[in-house]
Amino acid sequence: MSTSSPAAAAPASITREERKVLAGTLVGTTIEWYDFFVYAQAAGLILSAQFFAPLASDNPALGQIMAWASLGISFLFRPLGAIIAGHLGDRIGRKRVLVITLFLMGAATALIGLLPTYAAIGVGAPILLTLLRILQGFSAGGEWGGAALLSVEHAPISKRGLFGAYPQIGVPVGMILATGVIWILTTLLTPEQFESFGWRIPFLFSVVLVLVGYYIRRQVEESPVFAELAQRRAESSAPLSTLFKKNTKQVILSALIFIGNNAVGYMIIAFFAAYASRPIEEGGAVGLDRAPVLLATTLASFGWLVFTMWGGALSDRLGRVRTFQIGYILLIVWLIPTFLMIDMANIWMYGIGIFVLTVGMGLSYGPMSAMYAEMFPPQVRYSGVSIGYAIGAILGGAFAPTIAQSLLTATGSSLSIAVYMIVVCVISLIAVSLVKEPKGVELGVVKHRS
């Protein structure tokens, strides 16, 4: 039996090129999700009054449901973005497609910041808003898969979970930026100023972030797996048809695995802050001040970031499936206490409840890039992970705030929302338990560092 020297057994250090890849995937997903979350926050705080005024004036709860629905409708177009971006990414490379999706998302977000409201142009305002949301959804559908694969396909085998966590933490970092910017504005501006013009500033700020992201992504080389496939002309002539012919089970499982995390994520991203800060006189049940609620949500996002990185690294030791299972069990156990703590109308209880929830969120999100990449062959990997992720987002988070608001209106109890979240997480827990542990499988025809 041969033995390895301590030097050979030691984990490989991260190279300069790998650092550039990690920076490129992180900054891109951060910007994409900043854009997405700015809308999510605005949907809960301001867009009902600005773009759905007739519904909001006649029935505030229905107006808010419509605002949440405008958030969810973009998810319906994420599979289309995933299909097109996945097909192009498997043919022309991950990097080129990621640059395109970055500019599409940034343009749509900036234009939302320039839109006239319902008071200015009437019904054209919500129509234009919905069209721009569709463009955002299309862009987001193509972003995640490419970023996830760039990071995982560049990773040493023993660090795929850790490397794959970098595009994942773009979600909490994007949320920190979005919520933080809105918190600053609501603190510095009067409510009248924020409703008049302040809400537009976070959308317009996206232009600056996109330029920064483009500069960083230009420095990243193409994925080694794709480069090798291109050199050998190994791409499939019809990757999408090949995907559903041979890998339908993996697509379904990857979608179901994601729905629990995505549904709870959109509670944290959008619903909790709006639910906790809606004034009592406007039908709110908690009535906390908006600024401290946004600050507490921002601080909780740091927990999501840390635990997502930990989840990715932990999956390199425990395995992807086991780490996911731990994360979902934690979510299932803590969801009812979270809602009970929010309903106490105490800002400390609100912050603690959400922060603890991010432990399960991180463990059920950090390993996702690595596990999904390991579930699909290289010829259809971009298409497979992107479409599975997009379908999971539709089934999970797309209309989770809308469903939550409807349940709250129908039952008058936030615990009905908690039960709904638990059911979705149980489905994801069952789905991930059906996956044969993929950690360490070969990703392609290239040799990977260990």
Protein backbone atom coordinates (compact mmCIF):
# COMPACT_ATOMS: atom_id res chain seq x y z
CA MET A 1 0.00 0.00 0.00
CA SER A 2 1.40 3.38 -0.98
CA THR A 3 1.38 6.29 1.40
CA SER A 4 1.22 9.99 0.77
CA SER A 5 3.58 12.50 2.27
CA PRO A 6 2.18 15.18 4.57
CA ALA A 7 2.78 17.76 1.90
CA ALA A 8 0.89 15.74 -0.65
CA ALA A 9 -1.96 15.19 1.75
CA ALA A 10 -2.26 18.85 2.69
CA PRO A 11 -5.04 20.80 1.03
CA ALA A 12 -3.97 22.72 -2.03
CA SER A 13 -3.72 26.47 -1.52
CA ILE A 14 -5.95 28.77 -3.51
CA THR A 15 -4.19 30.05 -6.62
CA ARG A 16 -4.30 33.62 -7.95
CA GLU A 17 -6.58 32.57 -10.82
CA GLU A 18 -8.92 30.77 -8.44
CA ARG A 19 -9.17 33.91 -6.31
CA LYS A 20 -10.14 35.87 -9.43
CA VAL A 21 -12.81 33.28 -10.24
CA LEU A 22 -14.23 33.42 -6.71
CA ALA A 23 -14.25 37.21 -6.79
CA GLY A 24 -15.95 37.20 -10.19
CA THR A 25 -18.68 34.78 -9.19
CA LEU A 26 -19.27 36.56 -5.88
CA VAL A 27 -19.48 40.07 -7.27
CA GLY A 28 -21.73 39.03 -10.13
CA THR A 29 -24.28 37.18 -8.02
CA THR A 30 -24.13 39.95 -5.42
CA ILE A 31 -25.09 42.55 -8.02
CA GLU A 32 -27.74 40.35 -9.60
CA TRP A 33 -29.35 39.67 -6.23
CA TYR A 34 -28.98 43.25 -5.03
CA ASP A 35 -31.11 44.21 -8.02
CA PHE A 36 -33.59 41.45 -7.29
CA PHE A 37 -33.81 42.22 -3.57
CA VAL A 38 -34.19 45.96 -4.01
CA TYR A 39 -37.41 45.16 -5.83
CA ALA A 40 -38.42 42.62 -3.19
CA GLN A 41 -37.93 45.15 -0.39
CA ALA A 42 -39.71 47.87 -2.36
CA ALA A 43 -42.63 45.54 -3.09
CA GLY A 44 -43.21 45.18 0.63
CA LEU A 45 -42.71 48.83 1.52
CA ILE A 46 -43.68 51.20 -1.29
CA LEU A 47 -44.71 49.72 -4.66
CA SER A 48 -48.28 48.93 -3.65
CA ALA A 49 -49.02 52.63 -3.17
CA GLN A 50 -46.93 53.81 -6.13
CA PHE A 51 -48.04 51.37 -8.84
CA PHE A 52 -51.20 49.64 -7.61
CA ALA A 53 -52.95 52.69 -6.19
CA PRO A 54 -56.60 51.84 -6.99
CA LEU A 55 -56.35 48.41 -5.38
CA ALA A 56 -54.37 49.78 -2.46
CA SER A 57 -56.89 52.55 -1.75
CA ASP A 58 -59.95 50.31 -1.93
CA ASN A 59 -58.40 47.33 -0.18
CA PRO A 60 -54.86 47.70 1.27
CA ALA A 61 -54.45 43.95 1.79
CA LEU A 62 -55.39 43.20 -1.83
CA GLY A 63 -53.07 45.94 -3.05
CA GLN A 64 -50.21 44.37 -1.10
CA ILE A 65 -51.05 40.94 -2.51
CA MET A 66 -50.81 42.42 -6.02
CA ALA A 67 -47.44 43.97 -5.19
CA TRP A 68 -46.19 40.57 -3.97
CA ALA A 69 -47.59 38.99 -7.14
CA SER A 70 -45.54 41.43 -9.24
CA LEU A 71 -42.51 40.08 -7.37
CA GLY A 72 -43.48 36.49 -8.14
CA ILE A 73 -44.37 36.88 -11.81
CA SER A 74 -40.75 37.33 -12.84
CA PHE A 75 -39.99 33.83 -11.54
CA LEU A 76 -42.19 32.38 -14.26
CA PHE A 77 -39.66 33.61 -16.81
CA ARG A 78 -36.60 32.34 -14.98
CA PRO A 79 -36.81 28.90 -16.65
CA LEU A 80 -36.79 30.61 -20.06
CA GLY A 81 -33.70 32.56 -19.04
CA ALA A 82 -32.18 29.36 -17.69
CA ILE A 83 -32.93 27.44 -20.89
CA ILE A 84 -31.46 30.09 -23.20
CA ALA A 85 -28.49 30.91 -20.95
CA GLY A 86 -27.87 27.24 -20.27
CA HIS A 87 -27.89 26.39 -23.97
CA LEU A 88 -25.55 29.29 -24.78
CA GLY A 89 -23.39 28.65 -21.72
CA ASP A 90 -22.87 25.03 -22.74
CA ARG A 91 -21.88 26.22 -26.24
CA ILE A 92 -20.10 29.59 -26.03
CA GLY A 93 -18.93 29.47 -22.43
CA ARG A 94 -20.06 30.43 -18.95
CA LYS A 95 -18.18 33.75 -18.87
CA ARG A 96 -19.76 35.38 -21.95
CA VAL A 97 -23.28 34.49 -20.85
CA LEU A 98 -22.66 35.86 -17.36
CA VAL A 99 -21.65 39.25 -18.77
CA ILE A 100 -24.87 39.39 -20.80
CA THR A 101 -27.09 38.51 -17.83
CA LEU A 102 -25.29 41.07 -15.67
CA PHE A 103 -26.09 43.92 -18.08
CA LEU A 104 -29.68 42.78 -18.60
CA MET A 105 -30.40 42.76 -14.88
CA GLY A 106 -28.70 46.12 -14.33
CA ALA A 107 -30.59 47.79 -17.19
CA ALA A 108 -33.96 46.50 -16.00
CA THR A 109 -33.29 47.64 -12.44
CA ALA A 110 -32.16 51.14 -13.42
CA LEU A 111 -35.22 51.58 -15.65
CA ILE A 112 -37.52 50.68 -12.74
CA GLY A 113 -35.92 53.59 -10.89
CA LEU A 114 -36.96 55.90 -13.74
CA LEU A 115 -40.53 54.64 -14.18
CA PRO A 116 -43.42 57.08 -13.79
CA THR A 117 -45.96 55.98 -11.18
CA TYR A 118 -49.66 55.19 -11.50
CA ALA A 119 -50.50 58.76 -10.53
CA ALA A 120 -48.52 60.02 -13.55
CA ILE A 121 -49.51 57.65 -16.38
CA GLY A 122 -52.23 55.41 -14.99
CA VAL A 123 -52.43 51.74 -15.88
CA GLY A 124 -49.31 51.97 -18.05
CA ALA A 125 -47.19 52.19 -14.88
CA PRO A 126 -47.91 48.68 -13.50
CA ILE A 127 -47.71 47.25 -17.03
CA LEU A 128 -44.22 48.70 -17.60
CA LEU A 129 -43.18 47.63 -14.11
CA THR A 130 -44.28 44.08 -14.83
CA LEU A 131 -42.38 43.99 -18.14
CA LEU A 132 -39.18 45.10 -16.42
CA ARG A 133 -39.74 42.48 -13.71
CA ILE A 134 -40.00 39.86 -16.44
CA LEU A 135 -36.64 41.03 -17.82
CA GLN A 136 -35.16 40.77 -14.33
CA GLY A 137 -36.49 37.25 -13.97
CA PHE A 138 -35.12 36.23 -17.37
CA SER A 139 -31.71 37.56 -16.40
CA ALA A 140 -31.69 35.93 -12.95
CA GLY A 141 -32.58 32.58 -14.52
CA GLY A 142 -29.33 32.57 -16.44
CA GLU A 143 -27.06 34.05 -13.78
CA TRP A 144 -26.89 31.52 -10.99
CA GLY A 145 -26.05 28.41 -13.00
CA GLY A 146 -23.09 30.02 -14.75
CA ALA A 147 -21.68 31.53 -11.57
CA ALA A 148 -22.09 28.26 -9.67
CA LEU A 149 -20.33 26.26 -12.37
CA LEU A 150 -17.47 28.73 -12.78
CA SER A 151 -16.69 28.41 -9.09
CA VAL A 152 -17.15 24.64 -8.75
CA GLU A 153 -15.43 23.68 -12.01
CA HIS A 154 -12.35 25.70 -11.00
CA ALA A 155 -12.26 24.13 -7.52
CA PRO A 156 -9.95 21.44 -6.15
CA ILE A 157 -12.00 18.30 -5.56
CA SER A 158 -11.64 18.60 -1.79
CA LYS A 159 -12.86 22.22 -1.80
CA ARG A 160 -15.81 22.16 -4.19
CA GLY A 161 -18.30 22.87 -1.42
CA LEU A 162 -16.27 25.84 -0.17
CA PHE A 163 -15.68 27.26 -3.66
CA GLY A 164 -19.33 26.71 -4.57
CA ALA A 165 -20.42 28.69 -1.52
CA TYR A 166 -18.99 31.91 -3.01
CA PRO A 167 -21.74 32.50 -5.57
CA GLN A 168 -24.20 31.41 -2.86
CA ILE A 169 -23.13 34.14 -0.46
CA GLY A 170 -23.90 36.63 -3.22
CA VAL A 171 -27.51 36.20 -2.03
CA PRO A 172 -27.01 37.42 1.56
CA VAL A 173 -24.42 40.00 0.46
CA GLY A 174 -26.90 41.33 -2.11
CA MET A 175 -29.55 41.39 0.59
CA ILE A 176 -27.24 43.24 2.98
CA LEU A 177 -26.59 45.87 0.31
CA ALA A 178 -30.23 46.21 -0.70
CA THR A 179 -31.66 46.30 2.81
CA GLY A 180 -28.81 48.47 4.06
CA VAL A 181 -29.29 51.07 1.32
CA ILE A 182 -33.04 51.23 1.94
CA TRP A 183 -32.44 51.44 5.70
CA ILE A 184 -30.06 54.40 5.20
CA LEU A 185 -32.58 56.17 2.99
CA THR A 186 -35.51 55.61 5.36
CA THR A 187 -33.32 56.93 8.19
CA LEU A 188 -32.10 60.05 6.37
CA LEU A 189 -35.32 60.93 4.53
CA THR A 190 -38.76 61.73 5.81
CA PRO A 191 -41.52 59.25 4.86
CA GLU A 192 -42.82 61.81 2.37
CA GLN A 193 -39.38 62.20 0.75
CA PHE A 194 -38.87 58.45 0.55
CA GLU A 195 -42.27 57.96 -1.10
CA SER A 196 -41.68 60.88 -3.47
CA PHE A 197 -38.19 60.12 -4.79
CA GLY A 198 -36.09 58.24 -2.24
CA TRP A 199 -37.31 54.78 -3.26
CA ARG A 200 -35.83 55.33 -6.75
CA ILE A 201 -32.23 55.78 -5.52
CA PRO A 202 -31.50 52.08 -4.75
CA PHE A 203 -32.64 51.11 -8.26
CA LEU A 204 -30.47 53.74 -9.97
CA PHE A 205 -27.46 52.78 -7.81
CA SER A 206 -27.43 49.46 -9.67
CA VAL A 207 -25.69 51.17 -12.62
CA VAL A 208 -22.57 51.72 -10.51
CA LEU A 209 -22.57 48.14 -9.26
CA VAL A 210 -22.95 46.70 -12.77
CA LEU A 211 -19.91 48.64 -14.02
CA VAL A 212 -17.86 47.34 -11.09
CA GLY A 213 -19.07 43.79 -11.72
CA TYR A 214 -18.28 43.97 -15.42
CA TYR A 215 -14.71 45.09 -14.72
CA ILE A 216 -14.13 42.22 -12.29
CA ARG A 217 -15.72 39.59 -14.50
CA ARG A 218 -13.56 40.59 -17.44
CA GLN A 219 -10.56 39.33 -15.44
CA VAL A 220 -11.94 35.79 -15.05
CA GLU A 221 -10.85 32.99 -17.39
CA GLU A 222 -13.34 30.48 -18.78
CA SER A 223 -14.13 27.33 -16.81
CA PRO A 224 -11.48 24.61 -17.39
CA VAL A 225 -14.13 21.96 -17.95
CA PHE A 226 -15.80 24.00 -20.67
CA ALA A 227 -12.46 24.91 -22.23
CA GLU A 228 -11.55 21.23 -22.48
CA LEU A 229 -14.95 20.34 -23.89
CA ALA A 230 -14.66 23.09 -26.49
CA GLN A 231 -11.21 21.91 -27.48
CA ARG A 232 -12.44 18.36 -28.01
CA ARG A 233 -15.73 19.47 -29.62
CA ALA A 234 -17.57 17.44 -27.04
CA GLU A 235 -20.62 19.67 -26.66
CA SER A 236 -23.90 17.99 -27.42
CA SER A 237 -25.66 19.05 -30.61
CA ALA A 238 -28.93 19.37 -28.67
CA PRO A 239 -28.04 19.78 -24.97
CA LEU A 240 -31.57 20.65 -23.85
CA SER A 241 -33.18 17.61 -25.45
CA THR A 242 -30.33 15.48 -24.17
CA LEU A 243 -30.87 16.87 -20.68
CA PHE A 244 -34.51 15.85 -20.49
CA LYS A 245 -33.89 12.56 -22.22
CA LYS A 246 -31.22 11.40 -19.80
CA ASN A 247 -31.38 13.62 -16.70
CA THR A 248 -35.04 14.37 -16.00
CA LYS A 249 -34.81 12.81 -12.53
CA GLN A 250 -31.90 15.06 -11.60
CA VAL A 251 -33.76 18.16 -12.82
CA ILE A 252 -36.85 17.27 -10.76
CA LEU A 253 -34.83 16.49 -7.64
CA SER A 254 -32.75 19.65 -7.92
CA ALA A 255 -35.95 21.70 -8.20
CA LEU A 256 -37.61 20.06 -5.19
CA ILE A 257 -34.44 20.31 -3.08
CA PHE A 258 -34.44 24.09 -3.55
CA ILE A 259 -38.10 24.94 -2.90
CA GLY A 260 -37.89 24.94 0.91
CA ASN A 261 -34.80 27.11 1.11
CA ASN A 262 -36.13 29.50 -1.53
CA ALA A 263 -39.54 29.88 0.11
CA VAL A 264 -38.08 30.63 3.54
CA GLY A 265 -35.50 32.88 1.89
CA TYR A 266 -38.17 35.10 0.43
CA MET A 267 -39.79 35.38 3.83
CA ILE A 268 -36.50 36.83 5.10
CA ILE A 269 -35.82 38.86 1.97
CA ALA A 270 -39.19 40.53 1.61
CA PHE A 271 -42.09 39.40 3.78
CA PHE A 272 -40.83 39.62 7.37
CA ALA A 273 -39.80 43.29 7.19
CA ALA A 274 -43.09 44.35 5.59
CA TYR A 275 -45.15 42.23 7.99
CA ALA A 276 -43.36 43.49 11.11
CA SER A 277 -43.29 47.19 10.13
CA ARG A 278 -46.79 47.70 8.71
CA PRO A 279 -48.52 50.24 10.98
CA ILE A 280 -51.38 48.97 13.13
CA GLU A 281 -53.68 51.65 11.75
CA GLU A 282 -53.07 50.27 8.25
CA GLY A 283 -53.98 46.73 9.23
CA GLY A 284 -50.59 45.61 10.53
CA ALA A 285 -50.40 43.04 13.30
CA VAL A 286 -46.98 43.95 14.78
CA GLY A 287 -46.41 47.66 14.15
CA LEU A 288 -42.65 47.99 14.70
CA ASP A 289 -40.85 51.04 13.34
CA ARG A 290 -39.56 50.49 9.81
CA ALA A 291 -35.95 51.66 10.27
CA PRO A 292 -35.00 49.31 13.15
CA VAL A 293 -36.76 46.42 11.39
CA LEU A 294 -34.66 47.00 8.26
CA LEU A 295 -31.52 47.27 10.38
CA ALA A 296 -32.31 44.02 12.19
CA THR A 297 -32.98 42.31 8.84
CA THR A 298 -29.65 43.59 7.51
CA LEU A 299 -27.77 42.29 10.56
CA ALA A 300 -29.50 38.90 10.27
CA SER A 301 -28.26 38.72 6.69
CA PHE A 302 -24.70 38.57 8.01
CA GLY A 303 -25.67 35.34 9.74
CA TRP A 304 -26.98 34.01 6.44
CA LEU A 305 -23.64 34.89 4.83
CA VAL A 306 -21.52 33.20 7.52
CA PHE A 307 -23.64 30.06 7.74
CA THR A 308 -23.76 29.73 3.94
CA MET A 309 -19.96 29.70 3.78
CA TRP A 310 -19.90 27.24 6.68
CA GLY A 311 -22.47 25.06 4.94
CA GLY A 312 -20.35 24.86 1.80
CA ALA A 313 -17.19 24.01 3.74
CA LEU A 314 -19.02 21.56 6.01
CA SER A 315 -20.33 19.68 2.98
CA ASP A 316 -16.73 18.97 1.95
CA ARG A 317 -16.41 16.99 5.19
CA LEU A 318 -19.89 15.62 5.97
CA GLY A 319 -21.15 15.35 2.39
CA ARG A 320 -23.69 17.44 0.49
CA VAL A 321 -26.76 15.39 1.42
CA ARG A 322 -26.07 15.26 5.15
CA THR A 323 -25.40 19.00 5.33
CA PHE A 324 -28.64 19.74 3.49
CA GLN A 325 -30.56 17.43 5.83
CA ILE A 326 -29.22 19.18 8.93
CA GLY A 327 -30.15 22.56 7.46
CA TYR A 328 -33.71 21.58 6.62
CA ILE A 329 -34.31 19.95 10.01
CA LEU A 330 -33.18 23.18 11.70
CA LEU A 331 -35.58 25.21 9.53
CA ILE A 332 -38.50 22.91 10.27
CA VAL A 333 -37.85 23.10 14.02
CA TRP A 334 -37.37 26.88 14.17
CA LEU A 335 -40.09 28.25 11.84
CA ILE A 336 -42.93 28.35 14.40
CA PRO A 337 -40.72 29.96 17.10
CA THR A 338 -39.66 32.58 14.52
CA PHE A 339 -43.22 33.72 13.87
CA LEU A 340 -44.08 33.64 17.58
CA MET A 341 -41.07 35.86 18.31
CA ILE A 342 -41.96 38.33 15.53
CA ASP A 343 -45.51 38.59 16.86
CA MET A 344 -44.13 39.70 20.25
CA ALA A 345 -43.66 43.15 18.65
CA ASN A 346 -40.19 43.44 20.18
CA ILE A 347 -37.33 44.38 17.86
CA TRP A 348 -34.85 42.18 19.74
CA MET A 349 -37.11 39.14 19.44
CA TYR A 350 -37.59 39.94 15.75
CA GLY A 351 -33.84 40.10 15.14
CA ILE A 352 -33.00 36.97 17.14
CA GLY A 353 -35.76 34.95 15.52
CA ILE A 354 -34.60 35.72 12.00
CA PHE A 355 -30.89 35.38 12.83
CA VAL A 356 -31.33 31.85 14.21
CA LEU A 357 -33.38 30.97 11.12
CA THR A 358 -30.37 31.83 8.93
CA VAL A 359 -28.40 28.90 10.42
CA GLY A 360 -30.69 26.43 8.66
CA MET A 361 -30.80 28.68 5.60
CA GLY A 362 -27.02 28.64 5.24
CA LEU A 363 -26.65 24.88 5.71
CA SER A 364 -29.37 24.22 3.11
CA TYR A 365 -27.89 26.69 0.60
CA GLY A 366 -24.10 26.64 0.91
CA PRO A 367 -23.62 23.12 -0.56
CA MET A 368 -26.03 23.67 -3.45
CA SER A 369 -23.58 24.77 -6.17
CA ALA A 370 -21.28 21.81 -5.59
CA MET A 371 -24.04 19.23 -5.31
CA TYR A 372 -25.91 20.40 -8.38
CA ALA A 373 -22.71 20.49 -10.46
CA GLU A 374 -21.90 16.94 -9.34
CA MET A 375 -25.39 15.72 -10.29
CA PHE A 376 -25.10 16.53 -14.03
CA PRO A 377 -22.66 15.54 -16.80
CA PRO A 378 -20.61 18.42 -18.29
CA GLN A 379 -22.36 18.55 -21.68
CA VAL A 380 -25.69 19.57 -20.09
CA ARG A 381 -24.48 20.82 -16.71
CA TYR A 382 -25.24 24.52 -17.25
CA SER A 383 -28.69 23.73 -18.58
CA GLY A 384 -29.39 21.19 -15.85
CA VAL A 385 -28.42 23.26 -12.83
CA SER A 386 -29.98 26.46 -14.22
CA ILE A 387 -33.33 24.89 -15.13
CA GLY A 388 -33.57 22.89 -11.90
CA TYR A 389 -32.78 26.01 -9.88
CA ALA A 390 -35.28 28.11 -11.84
CA ILE A 391 -38.12 25.58 -11.48
CA GLY A 392 -37.35 25.30 -7.77
CA ALA A 393 -37.59 29.09 -7.47
CA ILE A 394 -41.03 29.07 -9.11
CA LEU A 395 -42.33 26.30 -6.85
CA GLY A 396 -40.66 27.75 -3.77
CA GLY A 397 -40.16 31.49 -3.51
CA ALA A 398 -41.94 32.97 -6.51
CA PHE A 399 -45.29 33.38 -4.85
CA ALA A 400 -44.35 32.59 -1.24
CA PRO A 401 -44.96 36.19 -0.05
CA THR A 402 -48.24 36.27 -2.00
CA ILE A 403 -49.37 32.98 -0.44
CA ALA A 404 -48.20 34.15 2.98
CA GLN A 405 -50.19 37.39 2.71
CA SER A 406 -53.25 35.48 1.51
CA LEU A 407 -53.00 33.02 4.41
CA LEU A 408 -52.59 35.87 6.87
CA THR A 409 -55.63 37.67 5.45
CA ALA A 410 -57.74 34.49 5.48
CA THR A 411 -56.76 33.14 8.91
CA GLY A 412 -55.59 36.20 10.82
CA SER A 413 -52.73 34.12 12.24
CA SER A 414 -49.07 34.13 11.22
CA LEU A 415 -48.80 30.49 12.36
CA SER A 416 -50.65 29.47 9.19
CA ILE A 417 -47.66 30.85 7.27
CA ALA A 418 -45.27 28.88 9.48
CA VAL A 419 -47.16 25.65 8.76
CA TYR A 420 -47.03 26.38 5.02
CA MET A 421 -43.25 26.94 5.24
CA ILE A 422 -42.77 23.71 7.22
CA VAL A 423 -44.64 21.66 4.61
CA VAL A 424 -42.44 23.05 1.83
CA CYS A 425 -39.26 22.33 3.82
CA VAL A 426 -40.39 18.75 4.50
CA ILE A 427 -40.79 18.21 0.75
CA SER A 428 -37.23 19.45 0.18
CA LEU A 429 -35.89 17.30 3.01
CA ILE A 430 -37.46 14.20 1.42
CA ALA A 431 -36.11 15.14 -2.02
CA VAL A 432 -32.52 15.63 -0.88
CA SER A 433 -32.68 12.35 1.03
CA LEU A 434 -33.39 10.57 -2.28
CA VAL A 435 -30.09 11.78 -3.77
CA LYS A 436 -27.12 9.42 -3.73
CA GLU A 437 -24.24 11.34 -2.17
CA PRO A 438 -22.38 12.94 -5.12
CA LYS A 439 -19.40 14.44 -3.27
CA GLY A 440 -16.10 13.88 -5.08
CA VAL A 441 -17.41 12.61 -8.42
CA GLU A 442 -15.40 13.59 -11.50
CA LEU A 443 -16.85 16.70 -13.13
CA GLY A 444 -15.50 16.28 -16.62
CA VAL A 445 -12.63 15.26 -18.82
CA VAL A 446 -10.09 17.59 -17.26
CA LYS A 447 -7.93 16.70 -14.28
CA HIS A 448 -8.80 18.49 -11.06
CA ARG A 449 -6.53 19.35 -8.17
CA SER A 450 -7.29 17.51 -4.95
